[in-house]
Each structure stands twice: as C-alpha cells, then as structure tokens.
Amino acid sequence: MSILTELDTIISDIMANMGFLAPILASVLIVVEAIIPFLPLALFVTVNFYYFGPFIGFLISWLMTCLGGYIVFKFWRTKVKDWIDGKISSKEDSKVNRLMEKLNMLSLEKLVLLITIPFAPAFLINMVAGLSDISEKKFIIALLIGKIFVVYFWGFVGTSIIDSLTNPYNLILVMVLMIIAFVISRVVNRACGIEK
C-alpha cells in the first residue's frame, strides 16, 4: 500500500513538473508500446486515465494506440511482405500459406473482434495483418473500432484497481472482468486458429 502511494506521488510529481509536455510523453509511450510489444499497455493507459481523466486519457490512449498499430502494420506491409511472399510462394502446400489464406478472408467483423480482445497479442495481429492481403482501409477501420474497447477496458481495469485500495468490491469486479476477457480471448484465438 505504501509502495503504491509512493509511486503515485512520484508519477504525480513527474506529470506536474512536465506541464504541457506530459500529454506528449504519454502519447509517445503509447506509440512506442505498440512497436515494442513487451511494454505494458495496461499501465500506460491507466496512467493516462488516472492523470488526464477518462475523456482526455481515453483520447490520448486510443489515438496513439491506433497510430502505433498502424505504424507496425505499415512497416510489415511495405518492408517485409514482398520478401515473405516470395518465400511462401515457393512452398505451395505450406501451413503458412493456408494460414495466410484464412487471414486474407477474415471479415471486418472478425478482424475487429480479434483487435478488441484485451489479452490478444496486438503486435502480432498488426504484424500478421501487414503481411496478409487485408486491405489497408479494412485494417484501419478495424483498428479504430477495436481499440476503443481495448483502451476502455484497460483504463477501467487500471483505475478500478487503484480505487480498489479503498473499495475492495471494485477489485472483485475487475477480477471478474479480467477472467471474462481472458476466457473470450482464448475462445476467439482457438476459433480463428491464431495459436495453430
């Protein structure tokens, strides 16, 4: 408890000292998280919601998560896809070929659903979408819609955990939501063959 209070004080001091640069730093961290997947999106979104409020925090997190996802998609589409296509086409009956065919036929709704799942590997989805033949327009629309729910989920979960330090019922609600999101992500991952 004292560690969290101390951490809150440190982050508050950093944000206060940065002034108008604080939202810029928050934006950069979210974009970098999309490119470097082991960084904690949930933490960055929580900080944004907590310090900038649910509206501005949401906007910063949503727009920058979409921008980061698009950067990953565009990099793999323009820099790697042609080389990969050349390697795949030389192996007519490969598992990769069959997987790419499934991905190319994904409807907008299924792509949105994949992006929406909080526990889905976002970097991997953006990368594979870039390597597939999914249209850029379809990917951008799915990204803009799907990330609304991901950002809201992590913002709600993060701020509820902070609030649960004084109200334990919020912690129970968060745990239930996280279990539901995890179960849904497992079902969708298996149904769409992501883990095969």
Protein backbone atom coordinates (compact mmCIF):
# COMPACT_ATOMS: atom_id res chain seq x y z
CA MET A 1 0.00 0.00 0.00
CA SER A 2 2.77 2.44 0.93
CA ILE A 3 4.69 1.48 -2.23
CA LEU A 4 1.65 2.34 -4.39
CA THR A 5 1.18 5.65 -2.57
CA GLU A 6 4.85 6.46 -3.09
CA LEU A 7 4.63 5.50 -6.77
CA ASP A 8 1.53 7.69 -7.17
CA THR A 9 3.42 10.62 -5.61
CA ILE A 10 6.42 10.13 -7.91
CA ILE A 11 4.27 9.92 -11.06
CA SER A 12 2.19 12.94 -9.94
CA ASP A 13 5.37 14.96 -9.41
CA ILE A 14 6.71 13.98 -12.84
CA MET A 15 3.42 14.89 -14.53
CA ALA A 16 3.16 18.21 -12.67
CA ASN A 17 6.75 19.19 -13.49
CA MET A 18 6.31 18.36 -17.18
CA GLY A 19 3.34 20.66 -17.64
CA PHE A 20 2.11 20.68 -21.26
CA LEU A 21 4.77 18.10 -22.19
CA ALA A 22 3.04 15.41 -20.07
CA PRO A 23 0.43 14.52 -22.73
CA ILE A 24 3.22 14.41 -25.35
CA LEU A 25 5.22 11.96 -23.24
CA ALA A 26 2.07 9.90 -22.64
CA SER A 27 1.41 9.81 -26.40
CA VAL A 28 4.97 8.79 -27.26
CA LEU A 29 4.94 5.98 -24.67
CA ILE A 30 1.72 4.54 -26.11
CA VAL A 31 3.09 4.59 -29.69
CA VAL A 32 6.38 3.01 -28.56
CA GLU A 33 4.43 0.30 -26.71
CA ALA A 34 2.75 -0.71 -29.98
CA ILE A 35 6.17 -1.10 -31.62
CA ILE A 36 7.93 -2.76 -28.65
CA PRO A 37 5.36 -5.34 -27.51
CA PHE A 38 6.76 -6.23 -24.08
CA LEU A 39 6.00 -2.74 -22.72
CA PRO A 40 2.82 -2.64 -20.56
CA LEU A 41 -0.06 -1.00 -22.48
CA ALA A 42 -2.35 -1.51 -19.47
CA LEU A 43 -0.03 0.58 -17.28
CA PHE A 44 0.28 3.44 -19.80
CA VAL A 45 -3.49 3.55 -20.39
CA THR A 46 -4.14 3.51 -16.63
CA VAL A 47 -1.72 6.39 -16.09
CA ASN A 48 -3.42 8.36 -18.88
CA PHE A 49 -6.91 7.75 -17.45
CA TYR A 50 -5.78 8.50 -13.92
CA TYR A 51 -3.88 11.72 -14.60
CA PHE A 52 -5.70 13.17 -17.62
CA GLY A 53 -9.20 11.96 -16.76
CA PRO A 54 -11.42 9.43 -18.52
CA PHE A 55 -12.07 11.61 -21.59
CA ILE A 56 -8.63 13.10 -22.41
CA GLY A 57 -6.87 9.97 -21.10
CA PHE A 58 -9.05 7.83 -23.35
CA LEU A 59 -8.47 10.04 -26.41
CA ILE A 60 -4.69 10.08 -25.99
CA SER A 61 -4.56 6.33 -25.41
CA TRP A 62 -6.95 5.42 -28.23
CA LEU A 63 -5.45 7.66 -30.91
CA MET A 64 -1.86 6.75 -30.07
CA THR A 65 -2.61 3.01 -29.81
CA CYS A 66 -4.19 3.18 -33.26
CA LEU A 67 -1.23 5.16 -34.62
CA GLY A 68 1.25 2.66 -33.15
CA GLY A 69 -0.71 -0.29 -34.55
CA TYR A 70 -0.81 1.36 -37.98
CA ILE A 71 2.96 2.01 -37.90
CA VAL A 72 3.59 -1.70 -37.19
CA PHE A 73 1.13 -2.72 -39.94
CA LYS A 74 2.66 -0.32 -42.47
CA PHE A 75 6.25 -1.39 -41.68
CA TRP A 76 5.50 -5.07 -42.25
CA ARG A 77 3.36 -4.31 -45.30
CA THR A 78 5.96 -2.13 -47.07
CA LYS A 79 9.28 -3.51 -45.83
CA VAL A 80 8.79 -7.25 -45.28
CA LYS A 81 5.67 -8.51 -47.11
CA ASP A 82 7.20 -8.86 -50.60
CA TRP A 83 10.16 -10.83 -49.26
CA ILE A 84 7.88 -13.14 -47.21
CA ASP A 85 5.52 -13.62 -50.18
CA GLY A 86 8.47 -14.76 -52.27
CA LYS A 87 9.46 -17.34 -49.66
CA ILE A 88 5.89 -18.60 -49.13
CA SER A 89 5.05 -18.92 -52.82
CA SER A 90 7.96 -21.32 -53.28
CA LYS A 91 6.25 -23.72 -50.84
CA GLU A 92 2.83 -24.37 -52.38
CA ASP A 93 1.34 -26.52 -49.62
CA SER A 94 2.82 -24.89 -46.55
CA LYS A 95 0.97 -24.29 -43.29
CA VAL A 96 1.91 -20.62 -43.57
CA ASN A 97 0.18 -20.46 -46.97
CA ARG A 98 -3.02 -21.93 -45.53
CA LEU A 99 -2.88 -19.58 -42.54
CA MET A 100 -2.40 -16.55 -44.82
CA GLU A 101 -5.38 -17.62 -46.94
CA LYS A 102 -7.54 -17.76 -43.79
CA LEU A 103 -6.32 -14.32 -42.72
CA ASN A 104 -6.96 -12.83 -46.15
CA MET A 105 -10.57 -13.99 -45.94
CA LEU A 106 -11.21 -12.55 -42.46
CA SER A 107 -14.29 -10.37 -42.43
CA LEU A 108 -14.15 -6.88 -40.97
CA GLU A 109 -16.24 -8.09 -38.04
CA LYS A 110 -13.81 -10.91 -37.16
CA LEU A 111 -10.81 -8.60 -37.52
CA VAL A 112 -12.47 -6.07 -35.19
CA LEU A 113 -13.21 -8.88 -32.74
CA LEU A 114 -9.56 -10.01 -32.77
CA ILE A 115 -8.31 -6.46 -32.17
CA THR A 116 -10.91 -5.90 -29.44
CA ILE A 117 -9.70 -8.71 -27.18
CA PRO A 118 -7.58 -7.16 -24.39
CA PHE A 119 -5.32 -10.21 -23.97
CA ALA A 120 -4.73 -10.79 -27.68
CA PRO A 121 -1.15 -10.18 -28.83
CA ALA A 122 -1.70 -6.78 -30.51
CA PHE A 123 1.78 -6.56 -32.03
CA LEU A 124 1.37 -9.99 -33.61
CA ILE A 125 -2.07 -9.12 -35.02
CA ASN A 126 -0.75 -5.85 -36.52
CA MET A 127 2.31 -7.62 -37.96
CA VAL A 128 0.35 -10.51 -39.48
CA ALA A 129 -2.25 -8.11 -40.90
CA GLY A 130 0.63 -6.25 -42.57
CA LEU A 131 1.93 -9.48 -44.08
CA SER A 132 -1.51 -10.54 -45.30
CA ASP A 133 -3.52 -9.18 -48.22
CA ILE A 134 -6.09 -7.49 -45.96
CA SER A 135 -6.73 -4.04 -47.39
CA GLU A 136 -5.22 -1.09 -45.58
CA LYS A 137 -8.64 0.57 -45.35
CA LYS A 138 -10.18 -2.53 -43.74
CA PHE A 139 -7.32 -2.75 -41.23
CA ILE A 140 -7.57 0.94 -40.28
CA ILE A 141 -11.35 0.72 -39.75
CA ALA A 142 -10.97 -2.45 -37.65
CA LEU A 143 -8.17 -0.83 -35.65
CA LEU A 144 -10.14 2.35 -34.94
CA ILE A 145 -13.20 0.39 -33.82
CA GLY A 146 -11.42 -2.41 -31.94
CA LYS A 147 -9.04 -0.23 -29.96
CA ILE A 148 -11.96 1.73 -28.46
CA PHE A 149 -12.84 -1.33 -26.39
CA VAL A 150 -9.26 -2.33 -25.56
CA VAL A 151 -8.38 1.15 -24.29
CA TYR A 152 -11.62 1.49 -22.33
CA PHE A 153 -11.11 -1.97 -20.80
CA TRP A 154 -7.55 -1.27 -19.62
CA GLY A 155 -8.48 2.23 -18.44
CA PHE A 156 -11.40 0.88 -16.43
CA VAL A 157 -9.43 -2.06 -15.03
CA GLY A 158 -6.42 0.09 -14.11
CA THR A 159 -8.33 2.89 -12.42
CA SER A 160 -10.59 0.36 -10.66
CA ILE A 161 -7.55 -1.40 -9.22
CA ILE A 162 -6.32 1.95 -7.90
CA ASP A 163 -9.80 2.68 -6.49
CA SER A 164 -9.98 -0.83 -5.00
CA LEU A 165 -7.33 0.15 -2.49
CA THR A 166 -10.18 1.90 -0.67
CA ASN A 167 -13.11 -0.19 -2.02
CA PRO A 168 -12.47 -3.97 -2.29
CA TYR A 169 -15.67 -4.55 -4.32
CA ASN A 170 -14.05 -2.80 -7.27
CA LEU A 171 -11.19 -5.30 -7.13
CA ILE A 172 -13.66 -8.20 -7.29
CA LEU A 173 -15.41 -6.60 -10.28
CA VAL A 174 -12.08 -6.08 -12.05
CA MET A 175 -11.05 -9.68 -11.43
CA VAL A 176 -14.35 -10.94 -12.85
CA LEU A 177 -13.98 -8.71 -15.94
CA MET A 178 -10.40 -9.87 -16.48
CA ILE A 179 -11.40 -13.54 -16.22
CA ILE A 180 -14.26 -12.99 -18.71
CA ALA A 181 -11.94 -11.14 -21.12
CA PHE A 182 -9.31 -13.88 -20.81
CA VAL A 183 -11.85 -16.67 -21.49
CA ILE A 184 -13.26 -14.81 -24.51
CA SER A 185 -9.75 -14.23 -25.85
CA ARG A 186 -8.94 -17.96 -25.56
CA VAL A 187 -12.14 -18.94 -27.36
CA VAL A 188 -11.59 -16.46 -30.20
CA ASN A 189 -7.89 -17.35 -30.52
CA ARG A 190 -8.75 -21.01 -30.94
CA ALA A 191 -11.74 -20.38 -33.22
CA CYS A 192 -9.68 -18.20 -35.56
CA GLY A 193 -6.65 -20.51 -35.48
CA ILE A 194 -4.21 -17.91 -34.15
CA GLU A 195 -2.38 -20.36 -31.94
CA LYS A 196 -2.11 -23.16 -34.52
